[in-house]
Amino acid sequence: MACRKILTLASLSAHSFLTLRIGNMSDIICVLSKSSGKIFRAKKGAEDLKRGDLCLIESDVGGDLALVIDSSSEVCAHTKSEKDSVKVIRKATEDDQKKFSWLQRKERRAFEFCLERIKERNLLMKFEDESRSRMYDEEEKVEED
Protein backbone atom coordinates (compact mmCIF):
# COMPACT_ATOMS: atom_id res chain seq x y z
CA MET A 1 0.00 0.00 0.00
CA ALA A 2 2.78 2.44 0.94
CA CYS A 3 4.61 1.57 -2.27
CA ARG A 4 1.48 2.33 -4.32
CA LYS A 5 1.11 5.77 -2.63
CA ILE A 6 4.71 6.65 -3.41
CA LEU A 7 4.24 5.61 -7.04
CA THR A 8 1.05 7.67 -7.27
CA LEU A 9 2.79 10.70 -5.75
CA ALA A 10 5.74 10.24 -8.11
CA SER A 11 3.37 10.03 -11.07
CA LEU A 12 1.49 13.07 -9.88
CA SER A 13 4.60 15.14 -9.43
CA ALA A 14 5.94 14.11 -12.86
CA HIS A 15 2.60 15.04 -14.43
CA SER A 16 2.57 18.36 -12.55
CA PHE A 17 6.12 19.04 -13.70
CA LEU A 18 5.21 18.35 -17.33
CA THR A 19 2.13 20.54 -17.10
CA LEU A 20 4.14 23.31 -15.49
CA ARG A 21 6.91 22.98 -18.08
CA ILE A 22 4.50 23.08 -21.02
CA GLY A 23 2.76 26.09 -19.49
CA ASN A 24 6.07 27.97 -19.26
CA MET A 25 7.05 27.11 -22.83
CA SER A 26 3.88 28.59 -24.28
CA ASP A 27 4.79 31.89 -22.62
CA ILE A 28 7.87 32.19 -24.87
CA ILE A 29 7.43 33.83 -28.28
CA CYS A 30 9.85 34.80 -31.04
CA VAL A 31 9.98 38.49 -31.97
CA LEU A 32 11.85 40.51 -34.60
CA SER A 33 13.38 43.75 -33.33
CA LYS A 34 12.48 46.69 -35.57
CA SER A 35 15.63 48.65 -34.70
CA SER A 36 18.32 45.98 -34.86
CA GLY A 37 16.68 43.36 -37.09
CA LYS A 38 17.62 40.62 -34.61
CA ILE A 39 15.32 37.80 -33.56
CA PHE A 40 14.75 37.43 -29.83
CA ARG A 41 12.86 34.99 -27.66
CA ALA A 42 10.57 36.90 -25.31
CA LYS A 43 8.43 36.09 -22.29
CA LYS A 44 4.99 37.37 -23.18
CA GLY A 45 3.60 37.23 -19.65
CA ALA A 46 -0.12 38.02 -19.44
CA GLU A 47 -0.22 39.70 -22.87
CA ASP A 48 -2.33 38.00 -25.54
CA LEU A 49 0.06 38.19 -28.50
CA LYS A 50 -0.15 36.35 -31.78
CA ARG A 51 1.84 36.33 -35.01
CA GLY A 52 1.88 39.77 -36.65
CA ASP A 53 1.28 41.78 -33.45
CA LEU A 54 3.64 44.59 -32.47
CA CYS A 55 4.89 44.78 -28.91
CA LEU A 56 7.42 46.61 -26.77
CA ILE A 57 10.30 44.53 -25.42
CA GLU A 58 13.16 45.24 -23.06
CA SER A 59 16.45 45.60 -24.91
CA ASP A 60 20.03 46.71 -24.34
CA VAL A 61 19.10 50.33 -25.01
CA GLY A 62 15.77 50.38 -23.16
CA GLY A 63 12.47 49.69 -24.88
CA ASP A 64 12.30 48.43 -28.46
CA LEU A 65 9.46 47.85 -30.88
CA ALA A 66 9.24 44.23 -32.05
CA LEU A 67 7.06 42.15 -34.35
CA VAL A 68 5.80 38.77 -33.13
CA ILE A 69 6.93 36.25 -35.76
CA ASP A 70 6.22 32.97 -33.97
CA SER A 71 4.33 31.88 -30.90
CA SER A 72 3.93 28.14 -31.10
CA SER A 73 6.94 26.42 -32.64
CA GLU A 74 9.48 24.20 -30.92
CA VAL A 75 12.20 26.78 -31.61
CA CYS A 76 10.48 29.32 -29.37
CA ALA A 77 9.60 26.70 -26.76
CA HIS A 78 13.13 25.27 -26.45
CA THR A 79 13.98 24.50 -22.84
CA LYS A 80 16.98 26.84 -22.76
CA SER A 81 15.06 29.71 -24.34
CA GLU A 82 13.48 30.89 -21.11
CA LYS A 83 16.75 31.93 -19.49
CA ASP A 84 17.92 33.82 -22.60
CA SER A 85 14.61 35.53 -23.28
CA VAL A 86 13.80 39.22 -22.94
CA LYS A 87 10.60 40.50 -21.39
CA VAL A 88 7.59 41.83 -23.28
CA ILE A 89 6.62 45.12 -21.68
CA ARG A 90 3.22 45.39 -23.39
CA LYS A 91 1.41 45.32 -26.70
CA ALA A 92 2.37 48.34 -28.84
CA THR A 93 -0.13 51.15 -29.35
CA GLU A 94 -0.48 53.59 -32.26
CA ASP A 95 1.42 56.19 -30.20
CA ASP A 96 4.29 53.73 -29.66
CA GLN A 97 4.52 53.11 -33.41
CA LYS A 98 4.50 56.87 -34.17
CA LYS A 99 7.18 57.53 -31.55
CA PHE A 100 9.35 54.72 -32.91
CA SER A 101 9.11 56.10 -36.48
CA TRP A 102 9.92 59.58 -35.20
CA LEU A 103 12.99 58.26 -33.36
CA GLN A 104 14.19 56.38 -36.45
CA ARG A 105 13.89 59.54 -38.58
CA LYS A 106 15.74 61.53 -35.93
CA GLU A 107 18.54 58.93 -35.75
CA ARG A 108 18.87 58.91 -39.56
CA ARG A 109 19.16 62.74 -39.64
CA ALA A 110 21.78 62.67 -36.88
CA PHE A 111 23.76 60.01 -38.73
CA GLU A 112 23.67 62.00 -41.99
CA PHE A 113 24.67 65.18 -40.13
CA CYS A 114 27.71 63.46 -38.65
CA LEU A 115 28.73 62.07 -42.06
CA GLU A 116 28.53 65.57 -43.57
CA ARG A 117 30.71 67.04 -40.80
CA ILE A 118 33.31 64.30 -41.24
CA LYS A 119 33.49 64.98 -44.99
CA GLU A 120 33.60 68.81 -44.54
CA ARG A 121 36.54 68.54 -42.18
CA ASN A 122 38.33 65.85 -44.24
CA LEU A 123 38.65 63.66 -41.19
CA LEU A 124 40.19 60.24 -41.63
CA MET A 125 37.54 58.27 -39.85
CA LYS A 126 34.95 55.70 -40.72
CA PHE A 127 31.49 56.42 -39.31
CA GLU A 128 28.92 53.63 -39.44
CA ASP A 129 25.52 53.27 -37.93
CA GLU A 130 25.23 50.66 -35.21
CA SER A 131 23.25 48.03 -37.14
CA ARG A 132 25.66 48.12 -40.09
CA SER A 133 28.72 47.85 -37.85
CA ARG A 134 27.25 44.81 -36.09
CA MET A 135 26.68 43.12 -39.44
CA TYR A 136 30.25 44.01 -40.49
CA ASP A 137 31.68 42.58 -37.26
CA GLU A 138 29.74 39.32 -37.70
CA GLU A 139 30.90 38.95 -41.31
CA GLU A 140 34.46 39.65 -40.26
CA LYS A 141 34.27 36.96 -37.56
CA VAL A 142 32.98 34.42 -40.08
CA GLU A 143 35.85 35.19 -42.48
CA GLU A 144 38.43 34.77 -39.69
CA ASP A 145 37.17 31.26 -38.77
C-alpha atoms as a PDB file:
ATOM      1  CA  MET A   1       0.000   0.000   0.000  1.00  0.00           C
ATOM      2  CA  ALA A   2       2.781   2.437   0.938  1.00  0.00           C
ATOM      3  CA  CYS A   3       4.613   1.572  -2.269  1.00  0.00           C
ATOM      4  CA  ARG A   4       1.481   2.332  -4.320  1.00  0.00           C
ATOM      5  CA  LYS A   5       1.109   5.766  -2.633  1.00  0.00           C
ATOM      6  CA  ILE A   6       4.707   6.646  -3.412  1.00  0.00           C
ATOM      7  CA  LEU A   7       4.242   5.608  -7.036  1.00  0.00           C
ATOM      8  CA  THR A   8       1.051   7.670  -7.271  1.00  0.00           C
ATOM      9  CA  LEU A   9       2.793  10.698  -5.746  1.00  0.00           C
ATOM     10  CA  ALA A  10       5.740  10.238  -8.110  1.00  0.00           C
ATOM     11  CA  SER A  11       3.365  10.028 -11.075  1.00  0.00           C
ATOM     12  CA  LEU A  12       1.490  13.073  -9.882  1.00  0.00           C
ATOM     13  CA  SER A  13       4.604  15.144  -9.432  1.00  0.00           C
ATOM     14  CA  ALA A  14       5.940  14.108 -12.861  1.00  0.00           C
ATOM     15  CA  HIS A  15       2.602  15.041 -14.435  1.00  0.00           C
ATOM     16  CA  SER A  16       2.570  18.358 -12.550  1.00  0.00           C
ATOM     17  CA  PHE A  17       6.116  19.044 -13.701  1.00  0.00           C
ATOM     18  CA  LEU A  18       5.207  18.347 -17.328  1.00  0.00           C
ATOM     19  CA  THR A  19       2.128  20.538 -17.105  1.00  0.00           C
ATOM     20  CA  LEU A  20       4.136  23.307 -15.487  1.00  0.00           C
ATOM     21  CA  ARG A  21       6.907  22.982 -18.078  1.00  0.00           C
ATOM     22  CA  ILE A  22       4.499  23.075 -21.019  1.00  0.00           C
ATOM     23  CA  GLY A  23       2.765  26.087 -19.489  1.00  0.00           C
ATOM     24  CA  ASN A  24       6.072  27.969 -19.255  1.00  0.00           C
ATOM     25  CA  MET A  25       7.051  27.111 -22.833  1.00  0.00           C
ATOM     26  CA  SER A  26       3.881  28.586 -24.282  1.00  0.00           C
ATOM     27  CA  ASP A  27       4.792  31.894 -22.617  1.00  0.00           C
ATOM     28  CA  ILE A  28       7.866  32.189 -24.865  1.00  0.00           C
ATOM     29  CA  ILE A  29       7.434  33.825 -28.283  1.00  0.00           C
ATOM     30  CA  CYS A  30       9.853  34.796 -31.043  1.00  0.00           C
ATOM     31  CA  VAL A  31       9.985  38.485 -31.967  1.00  0.00           C
ATOM     32  CA  LEU A  32      11.850  40.506 -34.596  1.00  0.00           C
ATOM     33  CA  SER A  33      13.375  43.753 -33.330  1.00  0.00           C
ATOM     34  CA  LYS A  34      12.479  46.690 -35.568  1.00  0.00           C
ATOM     35  CA  SER A  35      15.626  48.651 -34.696  1.00  0.00           C
ATOM     36  CA  SER A  36      18.323  45.979 -34.858  1.00  0.00           C
ATOM     37  CA  GLY A  37      16.680  43.357 -37.089  1.00  0.00           C
ATOM     38  CA  LYS A  38      17.618  40.617 -34.611  1.00  0.00           C
ATOM     39  CA  ILE A  39      15.324  37.803 -33.561  1.00  0.00           C
ATOM     40  CA  PHE A  40      14.745  37.435 -29.827  1.00  0.00           C
ATOM     41  CA  ARG A  41      12.863  34.994 -27.660  1.00  0.00           C
ATOM     42  CA  ALA A  42      10.571  36.896 -25.309  1.00  0.00           C
ATOM     43  CA  LYS A  43       8.433  36.093 -22.291  1.00  0.00           C
ATOM     44  CA  LYS A  44       4.992  37.368 -23.180  1.00  0.00           C
ATOM     45  CA  GLY A  45       3.597  37.232 -19.646  1.00  0.00           C
ATOM     46  CA  ALA A  46      -0.120  38.021 -19.438  1.00  0.00           C
ATOM     47  CA  GLU A  47      -0.217  39.699 -22.869  1.00  0.00           C
ATOM     48  CA  ASP A  48      -2.331  38.004 -25.539  1.00  0.00           C
ATOM     49  CA  LEU A  49       0.061  38.193 -28.500  1.00  0.00           C
ATOM     50  CA  LYS A  50      -0.149  36.345 -31.784  1.00  0.00           C
ATOM     51  CA  ARG A  51       1.837  36.332 -35.008  1.00  0.00           C
ATOM     52  CA  GLY A  52       1.884  39.771 -36.652  1.00  0.00           C
ATOM     53  CA  ASP A  53       1.284  41.782 -33.453  1.00  0.00           C
ATOM     54  CA  LEU A  54       3.641  44.586 -32.473  1.00  0.00           C
ATOM     55  CA  CYS A  55       4.892  44.780 -28.908  1.00  0.00           C
ATOM     56  CA  LEU A  56       7.419  46.615 -26.774  1.00  0.00           C
ATOM     57  CA  ILE A  57      10.297  44.530 -25.423  1.00  0.00           C
ATOM     58  CA  GLU A  58      13.157  45.236 -23.062  1.00  0.00           C
ATOM     59  CA  SER A  59      16.447  45.598 -24.915  1.00  0.00           C
ATOM     60  CA  ASP A  60      20.031  46.713 -24.343  1.00  0.00           C
ATOM     61  CA  VAL A  61      19.096  50.332 -25.010  1.00  0.00           C
ATOM     62  CA  GLY A  62      15.773  50.379 -23.157  1.00  0.00           C
ATOM     63  CA  GLY A  63      12.471  49.685 -24.881  1.00  0.00           C
ATOM     64  CA  ASP A  64      12.303  48.430 -28.456  1.00  0.00           C
ATOM     65  CA  LEU A  65       9.459  47.848 -30.884  1.00  0.00           C
ATOM     66  CA  ALA A  66       9.241  44.234 -32.049  1.00  0.00           C
ATOM     67  CA  LEU A  67       7.062  42.146 -34.349  1.00  0.00           C
ATOM     68  CA  VAL A  68       5.796  38.770 -33.134  1.00  0.00           C
ATOM     69  CA  ILE A  69       6.933  36.247 -35.755  1.00  0.00           C
ATOM     70  CA  ASP A  70       6.216  32.969 -33.972  1.00  0.00           C
ATOM     71  CA  SER A  71       4.332  31.885 -30.898  1.00  0.00           C
ATOM     72  CA  SER A  72       3.928  28.141 -31.103  1.00  0.00           C
ATOM     73  CA  SER A  73       6.941  26.420 -32.637  1.00  0.00           C
ATOM     74  CA  GLU A  74       9.483  24.203 -30.917  1.00  0.00           C
ATOM     75  CA  VAL A  75      12.199  26.778 -31.608  1.00  0.00           C
ATOM     76  CA  CYS A  76      10.482  29.315 -29.368  1.00  0.00           C
ATOM     77  CA  ALA A  77       9.604  26.704 -26.764  1.00  0.00           C
ATOM     78  CA  HIS A  78      13.126  25.272 -26.449  1.00  0.00           C
ATOM     79  CA  THR A  79      13.975  24.503 -22.840  1.00  0.00           C
ATOM     80  CA  LYS A  80      16.978  26.839 -22.761  1.00  0.00           C
ATOM     81  CA  SER A  81      15.058  29.706 -24.338  1.00  0.00           C
ATOM     82  CA  GLU A  82      13.478  30.889 -21.106  1.00  0.00           C
ATOM     83  CA  LYS A  83      16.750  31.935 -19.485  1.00  0.00           C
ATOM     84  CA  ASP A  84      17.924  33.819 -22.602  1.00  0.00           C
ATOM     85  CA  SER A  85      14.615  35.532 -23.280  1.00  0.00           C
ATOM     86  CA  VAL A  86      13.798  39.222 -22.941  1.00  0.00           C
ATOM     87  CA  LYS A  87      10.598  40.498 -21.389  1.00  0.00           C
ATOM     88  CA  VAL A  88       7.594  41.835 -23.283  1.00  0.00           C
ATOM     89  CA  ILE A  89       6.620  45.116 -21.681  1.00  0.00           C
ATOM     90  CA  ARG A  90       3.224  45.389 -23.392  1.00  0.00           C
ATOM     91  CA  LYS A  91       1.414  45.316 -26.703  1.00  0.00           C
ATOM     92  CA  ALA A  92       2.367  48.336 -28.841  1.00  0.00           C
ATOM     93  CA  THR A  93      -0.127  51.155 -29.345  1.00  0.00           C
ATOM     94  CA  GLU A  94      -0.480  53.592 -32.261  1.00  0.00           C
ATOM     95  CA  ASP A  95       1.423  56.187 -30.197  1.00  0.00           C
ATOM     96  CA  ASP A  96       4.291  53.732 -29.659  1.00  0.00           C
ATOM     97  CA  GLN A  97       4.519  53.113 -33.405  1.00  0.00           C
ATOM     98  CA  LYS A  98       4.501  56.870 -34.167  1.00  0.00           C
ATOM     99  CA  LYS A  99       7.178  57.531 -31.549  1.00  0.00           C
ATOM    100  CA  PHE A 100       9.348  54.719 -32.906  1.00  0.00           C
ATOM    101  CA  SER A 101       9.109  56.099 -36.478  1.00  0.00           C
ATOM    102  CA  TRP A 102       9.919  59.583 -35.201  1.00  0.00           C
ATOM    103  CA  LEU A 103      12.985  58.263 -33.360  1.00  0.00           C
ATOM    104  CA  GLN A 104      14.187  56.379 -36.451  1.00  0.00           C
ATOM    105  CA  ARG A 105      13.890  59.542 -38.578  1.00  0.00           C
ATOM    106  CA  LYS A 106      15.744  61.531 -35.931  1.00  0.00           C
ATOM    107  CA  GLU A 107      18.542  58.930 -35.750  1.00  0.00           C
ATOM    108  CA  ARG A 108      18.873  58.915 -39.560  1.00  0.00           C
ATOM    109  CA  ARG A 109      19.160  62.736 -39.638  1.00  0.00           C
ATOM    110  CA  ALA A 110      21.783  62.668 -36.875  1.00  0.00           C
ATOM    111  CA  PHE A 111      23.757  60.007 -38.735  1.00  0.00           C
ATOM    112  CA  GLU A 112      23.670  62.001 -41.991  1.00  0.00           C
ATOM    113  CA  PHE A 113      24.667  65.180 -40.131  1.00  0.00           C
ATOM    114  CA  CYS A 114      27.712  63.457 -38.649  1.00  0.00           C
ATOM    115  CA  LEU A 115      28.731  62.071 -42.056  1.00  0.00           C
ATOM    116  CA  GLU A 116      28.526  65.568 -43.572  1.00  0.00           C
ATOM    117  CA  ARG A 117      30.708  67.040 -40.800  1.00  0.00           C
ATOM    118  CA  ILE A 118      33.313  64.305 -41.243  1.00  0.00           C
ATOM    119  CA  LYS A 119      33.485  64.982 -44.994  1.00  0.00           C
ATOM    120  CA  GLU A 120      33.602  68.807 -44.544  1.00  0.00           C
ATOM    121  CA  ARG A 121      36.536  68.539 -42.180  1.00  0.00           C
ATOM    122  CA  ASN A 122      38.333  65.850 -44.237  1.00  0.00           C
ATOM    123  CA  LEU A 123      38.653  63.655 -41.187  1.00  0.00           C
ATOM    124  CA  LEU A 124      40.192  60.238 -41.629  1.00  0.00           C
ATOM    125  CA  MET A 125      37.539  58.274 -39.854  1.00  0.00           C
ATOM    126  CA  LYS A 126      34.950  55.701 -40.723  1.00  0.00           C
ATOM    127  CA  PHE A 127      31.488  56.422 -39.310  1.00  0.00           C
ATOM    128  CA  GLU A 128      28.921  53.632 -39.444  1.00  0.00           C
ATOM    129  CA  ASP A 129      25.516  53.274 -37.930  1.00  0.00           C
ATOM    130  CA  GLU A 130      25.232  50.656 -35.208  1.00  0.00           C
ATOM    131  CA  SER A 131      23.253  48.029 -37.141  1.00  0.00           C
ATOM    132  CA  ARG A 132      25.657  48.123 -40.085  1.00  0.00           C
ATOM    133  CA  SER A 133      28.715  47.848 -37.853  1.00  0.00           C
ATOM    134  CA  ARG A 134      27.247  44.811 -36.094  1.00  0.00           C
ATOM    135  CA  MET A 135      26.679  43.116 -39.441  1.00  0.00           C
ATOM    136  CA  TYR A 136      30.248  44.011 -40.488  1.00  0.00           C
ATOM    137  CA  ASP A 137      31.682  42.580 -37.257  1.00  0.00           C
ATOM    138  CA  GLU A 138      29.735  39.320 -37.700  1.00  0.00           C
ATOM    139  CA  GLU A 139      30.896  38.951 -41.314  1.00  0.00           C
ATOM    140  CA  GLU A 140      34.460  39.651 -40.257  1.00  0.00           C
ATOM    141  CA  LYS A 141      34.267  36.955 -37.556  1.00  0.00           C
ATOM    142  CA  VAL A 142      32.981  34.415 -40.080  1.00  0.00           C
ATOM    143  CA  GLU A 143      35.850  35.186 -42.482  1.00  0.00           C
ATOM    144  CA  GLU A 144      38.432  34.769 -39.688  1.00  0.00           C
ATOM    145  CA  ASP A 145      37.172  31.264 -38.771  1.00  0.00           C
END
